[in-house]
Amino acid sequence: MRYEVVEETGEWIVRSEGSELARFSDQDAALQDVATRLRDADGSTPASLSVRYQPKAS
């Protein structure tokens, strides 16, 4: 299972395999959601997590 936490317009979006799973107002809540999903997942399949931040305005 591959998870991605993406910062977009002030929200943190949790995605997996191209589908949006949840939205959060803060990064900690989004990462906690992914941690819970990983704990509940089948441990016999590999999992990965990536985090993408919104570029800072110059």
N, C-alpha and C. Protein backbone atom coordinates (compact mmCIF):
# COMPACT_ATOMS: atom_id res chain seq x y z
N MET A 1 0.85 -1.17 0.00
CA MET A 1 0.00 0.00 0.00
C MET A 1 0.89 1.24 0.00
N ARG A 2 0.56 2.18 -0.82
CA ARG A 2 1.34 3.42 -0.91
C ARG A 2 0.44 4.58 -0.48
N TYR A 3 0.93 5.34 0.49
CA TYR A 3 0.20 6.50 0.99
C TYR A 3 0.97 7.77 0.68
N GLU A 4 0.22 8.83 0.48
CA GLU A 4 0.82 10.13 0.18
C GLU A 4 0.06 11.17 1.00
N VAL A 5 0.80 12.06 1.67
CA VAL A 5 0.22 13.18 2.39
C VAL A 5 0.68 14.44 1.65
N VAL A 6 -0.29 15.20 1.14
CA VAL A 6 0.01 16.33 0.27
C VAL A 6 -0.58 17.61 0.86
N GLU A 7 0.25 18.64 0.94
CA GLU A 7 -0.22 19.95 1.38
C GLU A 7 -0.74 20.71 0.17
N GLU A 8 -2.02 21.11 0.23
CA GLU A 8 -2.63 21.87 -0.85
C GLU A 8 -3.53 22.94 -0.26
N THR A 9 -3.28 24.16 -0.61
CA THR A 9 -4.10 25.30 -0.20
C THR A 9 -4.50 25.26 1.28
N GLY A 10 -3.52 25.02 2.13
CA GLY A 10 -3.75 25.05 3.56
C GLY A 10 -4.36 23.80 4.16
N GLU A 11 -4.58 22.77 3.36
CA GLU A 11 -5.11 21.51 3.85
C GLU A 11 -4.11 20.40 3.59
N TRP A 12 -4.23 19.33 4.36
CA TRP A 12 -3.39 18.15 4.19
C TRP A 12 -4.29 17.02 3.70
N ILE A 13 -3.95 16.48 2.54
CA ILE A 13 -4.78 15.47 1.90
C ILE A 13 -4.06 14.13 1.95
N VAL A 14 -4.77 13.11 2.40
CA VAL A 14 -4.24 11.74 2.43
C VAL A 14 -4.76 11.02 1.19
N ARG A 15 -3.83 10.50 0.40
CA ARG A 15 -4.18 9.78 -0.82
C ARG A 15 -3.55 8.39 -0.81
N SER A 16 -4.18 7.51 -1.55
CA SER A 16 -3.63 6.17 -1.73
C SER A 16 -4.00 5.67 -3.12
N GLU A 17 -3.00 5.25 -3.85
CA GLU A 17 -3.21 4.70 -5.19
C GLU A 17 -4.06 5.64 -6.06
N GLY A 18 -3.84 6.96 -5.94
CA GLY A 18 -4.54 7.93 -6.76
C GLY A 18 -5.90 8.37 -6.25
N SER A 19 -6.37 7.80 -5.15
CA SER A 19 -7.66 8.17 -4.59
C SER A 19 -7.50 8.98 -3.31
N GLU A 20 -8.32 10.00 -3.16
CA GLU A 20 -8.29 10.79 -1.94
C GLU A 20 -9.04 10.03 -0.84
N LEU A 21 -8.38 9.88 0.32
CA LEU A 21 -8.97 9.15 1.44
C LEU A 21 -9.51 10.08 2.51
N ALA A 22 -8.83 11.21 2.74
CA ALA A 22 -9.25 12.12 3.81
C ALA A 22 -8.57 13.47 3.63
N ARG A 23 -9.15 14.49 4.29
CA ARG A 23 -8.58 15.85 4.33
C ARG A 23 -8.52 16.31 5.77
N PHE A 24 -7.44 17.03 6.09
CA PHE A 24 -7.23 17.53 7.45
C PHE A 24 -6.72 18.96 7.40
N SER A 25 -6.96 19.69 8.47
CA SER A 25 -6.49 21.07 8.53
C SER A 25 -5.04 21.17 9.02
N ASP A 26 -4.51 20.07 9.59
CA ASP A 26 -3.12 20.11 10.05
C ASP A 26 -2.39 18.82 9.70
N GLN A 27 -1.09 18.95 9.58
CA GLN A 27 -0.24 17.84 9.16
C GLN A 27 -0.25 16.70 10.17
N ASP A 28 -0.22 17.02 11.46
CA ASP A 28 -0.20 15.96 12.48
C ASP A 28 -1.40 15.04 12.37
N ALA A 29 -2.58 15.61 12.15
CA ALA A 29 -3.79 14.80 12.03
C ALA A 29 -3.71 13.90 10.79
N ALA A 30 -3.19 14.44 9.69
CA ALA A 30 -3.05 13.63 8.47
C ALA A 30 -2.08 12.47 8.68
N LEU A 31 -0.96 12.75 9.32
CA LEU A 31 0.02 11.69 9.57
C LEU A 31 -0.51 10.65 10.56
N GLN A 32 -1.30 11.09 11.54
CA GLN A 32 -1.91 10.16 12.49
C GLN A 32 -2.89 9.24 11.76
N ASP A 33 -3.63 9.79 10.82
CA ASP A 33 -4.56 8.99 10.02
C ASP A 33 -3.81 7.90 9.25
N VAL A 34 -2.71 8.27 8.63
CA VAL A 34 -1.91 7.28 7.89
C VAL A 34 -1.34 6.24 8.84
N ALA A 35 -0.86 6.66 10.00
CA ALA A 35 -0.31 5.71 10.97
C ALA A 35 -1.37 4.68 11.39
N THR A 36 -2.58 5.15 11.60
CA THR A 36 -3.68 4.23 11.97
C THR A 36 -3.97 3.27 10.83
N ARG A 37 -4.00 3.78 9.61
CA ARG A 37 -4.25 2.91 8.45
C ARG A 37 -3.15 1.86 8.31
N LEU A 38 -1.90 2.25 8.55
CA LEU A 38 -0.79 1.30 8.44
C LEU A 38 -0.86 0.23 9.54
N ARG A 39 -1.24 0.63 10.75
CA ARG A 39 -1.38 -0.35 11.84
C ARG A 39 -2.47 -1.37 11.55
N ASP A 40 -3.54 -0.90 10.89
CA ASP A 40 -4.68 -1.77 10.59
C ASP A 40 -4.51 -2.58 9.30
N ALA A 41 -3.47 -2.29 8.54
CA ALA A 41 -3.27 -2.93 7.23
C ALA A 41 -2.66 -4.33 7.38
N ASP A 42 -2.72 -5.05 6.28
CA ASP A 42 -2.10 -6.37 6.18
C ASP A 42 -0.58 -6.19 6.22
N GLY A 43 0.06 -6.72 7.24
CA GLY A 43 1.49 -6.56 7.43
C GLY A 43 2.35 -7.34 6.45
N SER A 44 1.74 -8.18 5.65
CA SER A 44 2.53 -8.99 4.72
C SER A 44 2.81 -8.27 3.40
N THR A 45 2.18 -7.12 3.19
CA THR A 45 2.43 -6.36 1.97
C THR A 45 3.23 -5.11 2.30
N PRO A 46 4.15 -4.72 1.44
CA PRO A 46 4.96 -3.52 1.71
C PRO A 46 4.10 -2.25 1.70
N ALA A 47 4.55 -1.28 2.46
CA ALA A 47 3.85 0.01 2.52
C ALA A 47 4.88 1.13 2.39
N SER A 48 4.42 2.25 1.84
CA SER A 48 5.31 3.40 1.74
C SER A 48 4.51 4.66 2.03
N LEU A 49 5.24 5.71 2.41
CA LEU A 49 4.64 7.00 2.71
C LEU A 49 5.50 8.09 2.11
N SER A 50 4.86 9.02 1.42
CA SER A 50 5.56 10.21 0.95
C SER A 50 4.78 11.43 1.42
N VAL A 51 5.51 12.52 1.64
CA VAL A 51 4.92 13.78 2.08
C VAL A 51 5.37 14.86 1.10
N ARG A 52 4.40 15.59 0.56
CA ARG A 52 4.72 16.68 -0.37
C ARG A 52 4.21 17.98 0.21
N TYR A 53 5.09 18.96 0.25
CA TYR A 53 4.78 20.27 0.78
C TYR A 53 4.50 21.24 -0.35
N GLN A 54 3.64 22.20 -0.08
CA GLN A 54 3.36 23.26 -1.03
C GLN A 54 4.57 24.18 -1.10
N PRO A 55 5.00 24.58 -2.29
CA PRO A 55 6.15 25.49 -2.38
C PRO A 55 5.86 26.81 -1.67
N LYS A 56 6.88 27.34 -1.00
CA LYS A 56 6.74 28.63 -0.31
C LYS A 56 6.73 29.74 -1.34
N ALA A 57 5.88 30.72 -1.09
CA ALA A 57 5.82 31.87 -1.99
C ALA A 57 7.06 32.74 -1.76
N SER A 58 7.59 33.28 -2.82
CA SER A 58 8.79 34.11 -2.72
C SER A 58 8.43 35.54 -2.40
